[in-house]
Amino acid sequence: MTTNQSAAIIREALRDAAKHCGCLPSEAHDPRSKPAIMARNMALVAAHRQGVPKHDLCDGFRRSWETVNKTLLSSQP
Protein backbone atom coordinates (compact mmCIF):
# COMPACT_ATOMS: atom_id res chain seq x y z
CA MET A 1 0.00 0.00 0.00
CA THR A 2 1.37 3.41 -0.92
CA THR A 3 1.56 6.34 1.46
CA ASN A 4 -1.10 8.18 -0.57
CA GLN A 5 -3.46 5.22 -0.31
CA SER A 6 -2.88 5.05 3.44
CA ALA A 7 -3.51 8.78 3.78
CA ALA A 8 -6.78 8.54 1.84
CA ILE A 9 -8.01 5.67 4.00
CA ILE A 10 -7.04 7.51 7.20
CA ARG A 11 -8.83 10.69 6.05
CA GLU A 12 -11.99 8.77 5.26
CA ALA A 13 -11.85 6.83 8.53
CA LEU A 14 -11.41 10.08 10.48
CA ARG A 15 -14.36 11.68 8.68
CA ASP A 16 -16.64 8.73 9.36
CA ALA A 17 -15.59 8.29 12.99
CA ALA A 18 -15.85 12.01 13.76
CA LYS A 19 -19.34 12.14 12.26
CA HIS A 20 -20.33 9.12 14.35
CA CYS A 21 -18.93 10.65 17.58
CA GLY A 22 -20.23 14.18 16.98
CA CYS A 23 -16.97 16.05 16.48
CA LEU A 24 -14.92 17.47 13.63
CA PRO A 25 -12.30 15.36 11.82
CA SER A 26 -9.64 17.90 12.81
CA GLU A 27 -10.60 17.40 16.47
CA ALA A 28 -10.31 13.63 16.08
CA HIS A 29 -6.90 13.97 14.45
CA ASP A 30 -5.50 15.83 17.47
CA PRO A 31 -8.01 15.00 20.22
CA ARG A 32 -8.55 17.04 23.36
CA SER A 33 -12.03 15.84 24.31
CA LYS A 34 -13.52 12.44 25.06
CA PRO A 35 -15.63 12.29 21.84
CA ALA A 36 -12.58 13.23 19.78
CA ILE A 37 -10.47 10.54 21.46
CA MET A 38 -13.19 7.98 20.80
CA ALA A 39 -13.34 9.08 17.15
CA ARG A 40 -9.55 8.84 16.80
CA ASN A 41 -9.54 5.35 18.25
CA MET A 42 -12.39 4.25 15.98
CA ALA A 43 -10.59 5.70 12.96
CA LEU A 44 -7.33 3.97 13.92
CA VAL A 45 -9.05 0.60 14.12
CA ALA A 46 -11.03 1.16 10.92
CA ALA A 47 -7.94 2.19 8.95
CA HIS A 48 -5.96 -0.78 10.26
CA ARG A 49 -8.76 -3.17 9.28
CA GLN A 50 -8.58 -1.73 5.76
CA GLY A 51 -4.92 -2.68 5.54
CA VAL A 52 -3.07 0.47 6.59
CA PRO A 53 0.26 -0.63 8.13
CA LYS A 54 1.04 0.37 11.70
CA HIS A 55 3.93 2.63 10.71
CA ASP A 56 1.58 4.62 8.46
CA LEU A 57 -0.95 4.81 11.29
CA CYS A 58 1.75 6.24 13.57
CA ASP A 59 2.68 8.85 10.97
CA GLY A 60 -0.88 9.63 9.90
CA PHE A 61 -2.26 10.03 13.39
CA ARG A 62 0.94 11.53 14.84
CA ARG A 63 0.94 8.99 17.63
CA SER A 64 3.63 6.72 19.03
CA TRP A 65 3.90 3.06 18.16
CA GLU A 66 2.86 2.23 21.73
CA THR A 67 -0.30 4.35 21.55
CA VAL A 68 -1.32 2.85 18.22
CA ASN A 69 -0.61 -0.68 19.45
CA LYS A 70 -2.53 -0.14 22.70
CA THR A 71 -5.55 1.19 20.78
CA LEU A 72 -5.54 -1.71 18.34
CA LEU A 73 -5.13 -4.30 21.09
CA SER A 74 -7.92 -2.81 23.19
CA SER A 75 -10.31 -3.01 20.24
CA GLN A 76 -9.98 -6.78 19.87
CA PRO A 77 -12.79 -8.90 21.32
C-alpha atoms as a PDB file:
ATOM      1  CA  MET A   1       0.000   0.000   0.000  1.00  0.00           C
ATOM      2  CA  THR A   2       1.371   3.411  -0.917  1.00  0.00           C
ATOM      3  CA  THR A   3       1.563   6.343   1.458  1.00  0.00           C
ATOM      4  CA  ASN A   4      -1.096   8.178  -0.571  1.00  0.00           C
ATOM      5  CA  GLN A   5      -3.464   5.221  -0.311  1.00  0.00           C
ATOM      6  CA  SER A   6      -2.877   5.045   3.439  1.00  0.00           C
ATOM      7  CA  ALA A   7      -3.512   8.778   3.783  1.00  0.00           C
ATOM      8  CA  ALA A   8      -6.775   8.542   1.842  1.00  0.00           C
ATOM      9  CA  ILE A   9      -8.013   5.668   4.004  1.00  0.00           C
ATOM     10  CA  ILE A  10      -7.037   7.506   7.204  1.00  0.00           C
ATOM     11  CA  ARG A  11      -8.826  10.691   6.054  1.00  0.00           C
ATOM     12  CA  GLU A  12     -11.990   8.766   5.258  1.00  0.00           C
ATOM     13  CA  ALA A  13     -11.847   6.828   8.531  1.00  0.00           C
ATOM     14  CA  LEU A  14     -11.410  10.080  10.482  1.00  0.00           C
ATOM     15  CA  ARG A  15     -14.356  11.677   8.676  1.00  0.00           C
ATOM     16  CA  ASP A  16     -16.637   8.725   9.357  1.00  0.00           C
ATOM     17  CA  ALA A  17     -15.594   8.286  12.993  1.00  0.00           C
ATOM     18  CA  ALA A  18     -15.853  12.008  13.758  1.00  0.00           C
ATOM     19  CA  LYS A  19     -19.338  12.140  12.261  1.00  0.00           C
ATOM     20  CA  HIS A  20     -20.334   9.120  14.354  1.00  0.00           C
ATOM     21  CA  CYS A  21     -18.934  10.645  17.578  1.00  0.00           C
ATOM     22  CA  GLY A  22     -20.226  14.175  16.975  1.00  0.00           C
ATOM     23  CA  CYS A  23     -16.973  16.048  16.482  1.00  0.00           C
ATOM     24  CA  LEU A  24     -14.922  17.472  13.635  1.00  0.00           C
ATOM     25  CA  PRO A  25     -12.297  15.359  11.821  1.00  0.00           C
ATOM     26  CA  SER A  26      -9.642  17.900  12.814  1.00  0.00           C
ATOM     27  CA  GLU A  27     -10.602  17.404  16.467  1.00  0.00           C
ATOM     28  CA  ALA A  28     -10.306  13.633  16.083  1.00  0.00           C
ATOM     29  CA  HIS A  29      -6.896  13.972  14.446  1.00  0.00           C
ATOM     30  CA  ASP A  30      -5.501  15.826  17.466  1.00  0.00           C
ATOM     31  CA  PRO A  31      -8.010  15.005  20.219  1.00  0.00           C
ATOM     32  CA  ARG A  32      -8.552  17.044  23.356  1.00  0.00           C
ATOM     33  CA  SER A  33     -12.032  15.839  24.310  1.00  0.00           C
ATOM     34  CA  LYS A  34     -13.517  12.439  25.058  1.00  0.00           C
ATOM     35  CA  PRO A  35     -15.633  12.286  21.844  1.00  0.00           C
ATOM     36  CA  ALA A  36     -12.577  13.231  19.780  1.00  0.00           C
ATOM     37  CA  ILE A  37     -10.468  10.538  21.461  1.00  0.00           C
ATOM     38  CA  MET A  38     -13.194   7.980  20.802  1.00  0.00           C
ATOM     39  CA  ALA A  39     -13.341   9.081  17.154  1.00  0.00           C
ATOM     40  CA  ARG A  40      -9.548   8.840  16.798  1.00  0.00           C
ATOM     41  CA  ASN A  41      -9.541   5.352  18.250  1.00  0.00           C
ATOM     42  CA  MET A  42     -12.390   4.252  15.985  1.00  0.00           C
ATOM     43  CA  ALA A  43     -10.594   5.696  12.961  1.00  0.00           C
ATOM     44  CA  LEU A  44      -7.326   3.970  13.917  1.00  0.00           C
ATOM     45  CA  VAL A  45      -9.045   0.600  14.118  1.00  0.00           C
ATOM     46  CA  ALA A  46     -11.030   1.157  10.917  1.00  0.00           C
ATOM     47  CA  ALA A  47      -7.939   2.188   8.950  1.00  0.00           C
ATOM     48  CA  HIS A  48      -5.955  -0.784  10.256  1.00  0.00           C
ATOM     49  CA  ARG A  49      -8.759  -3.173   9.276  1.00  0.00           C
ATOM     50  CA  GLN A  50      -8.576  -1.731   5.760  1.00  0.00           C
ATOM     51  CA  GLY A  51      -4.918  -2.681   5.542  1.00  0.00           C
ATOM     52  CA  VAL A  52      -3.070   0.471   6.593  1.00  0.00           C
ATOM     53  CA  PRO A  53       0.261  -0.635   8.128  1.00  0.00           C
ATOM     54  CA  LYS A  54       1.038   0.369  11.700  1.00  0.00           C
ATOM     55  CA  HIS A  55       3.932   2.631  10.708  1.00  0.00           C
ATOM     56  CA  ASP A  56       1.577   4.621   8.456  1.00  0.00           C
ATOM     57  CA  LEU A  57      -0.953   4.814  11.293  1.00  0.00           C
ATOM     58  CA  CYS A  58       1.751   6.242  13.568  1.00  0.00           C
ATOM     59  CA  ASP A  59       2.683   8.853  10.971  1.00  0.00           C
ATOM     60  CA  GLY A  60      -0.881   9.626   9.899  1.00  0.00           C
ATOM     61  CA  PHE A  61      -2.260  10.032  13.394  1.00  0.00           C
ATOM     62  CA  ARG A  62       0.944  11.533  14.842  1.00  0.00           C
ATOM     63  CA  ARG A  63       0.942   8.989  17.629  1.00  0.00           C
ATOM     64  CA  SER A  64       3.630   6.723  19.033  1.00  0.00           C
ATOM     65  CA  TRP A  65       3.902   3.057  18.161  1.00  0.00           C
ATOM     66  CA  GLU A  66       2.857   2.228  21.731  1.00  0.00           C
ATOM     67  CA  THR A  67      -0.300   4.354  21.548  1.00  0.00           C
ATOM     68  CA  VAL A  68      -1.315   2.846  18.219  1.00  0.00           C
ATOM     69  CA  ASN A  69      -0.610  -0.682  19.448  1.00  0.00           C
ATOM     70  CA  LYS A  70      -2.534  -0.142  22.697  1.00  0.00           C
ATOM     71  CA  THR A  71      -5.547   1.194  20.782  1.00  0.00           C
ATOM     72  CA  LEU A  72      -5.541  -1.713  18.341  1.00  0.00           C
ATOM     73  CA  LEU A  73      -5.129  -4.298  21.094  1.00  0.00           C
ATOM     74  CA  SER A  74      -7.919  -2.808  23.191  1.00  0.00           C
ATOM     75  CA  SER A  75     -10.315  -3.011  20.243  1.00  0.00           C
ATOM     76  CA  GLN A  76      -9.977  -6.777  19.873  1.00  0.00           C
ATOM     77  CA  PRO A  77     -12.793  -8.895  21.321  1.00  0.00           C
END
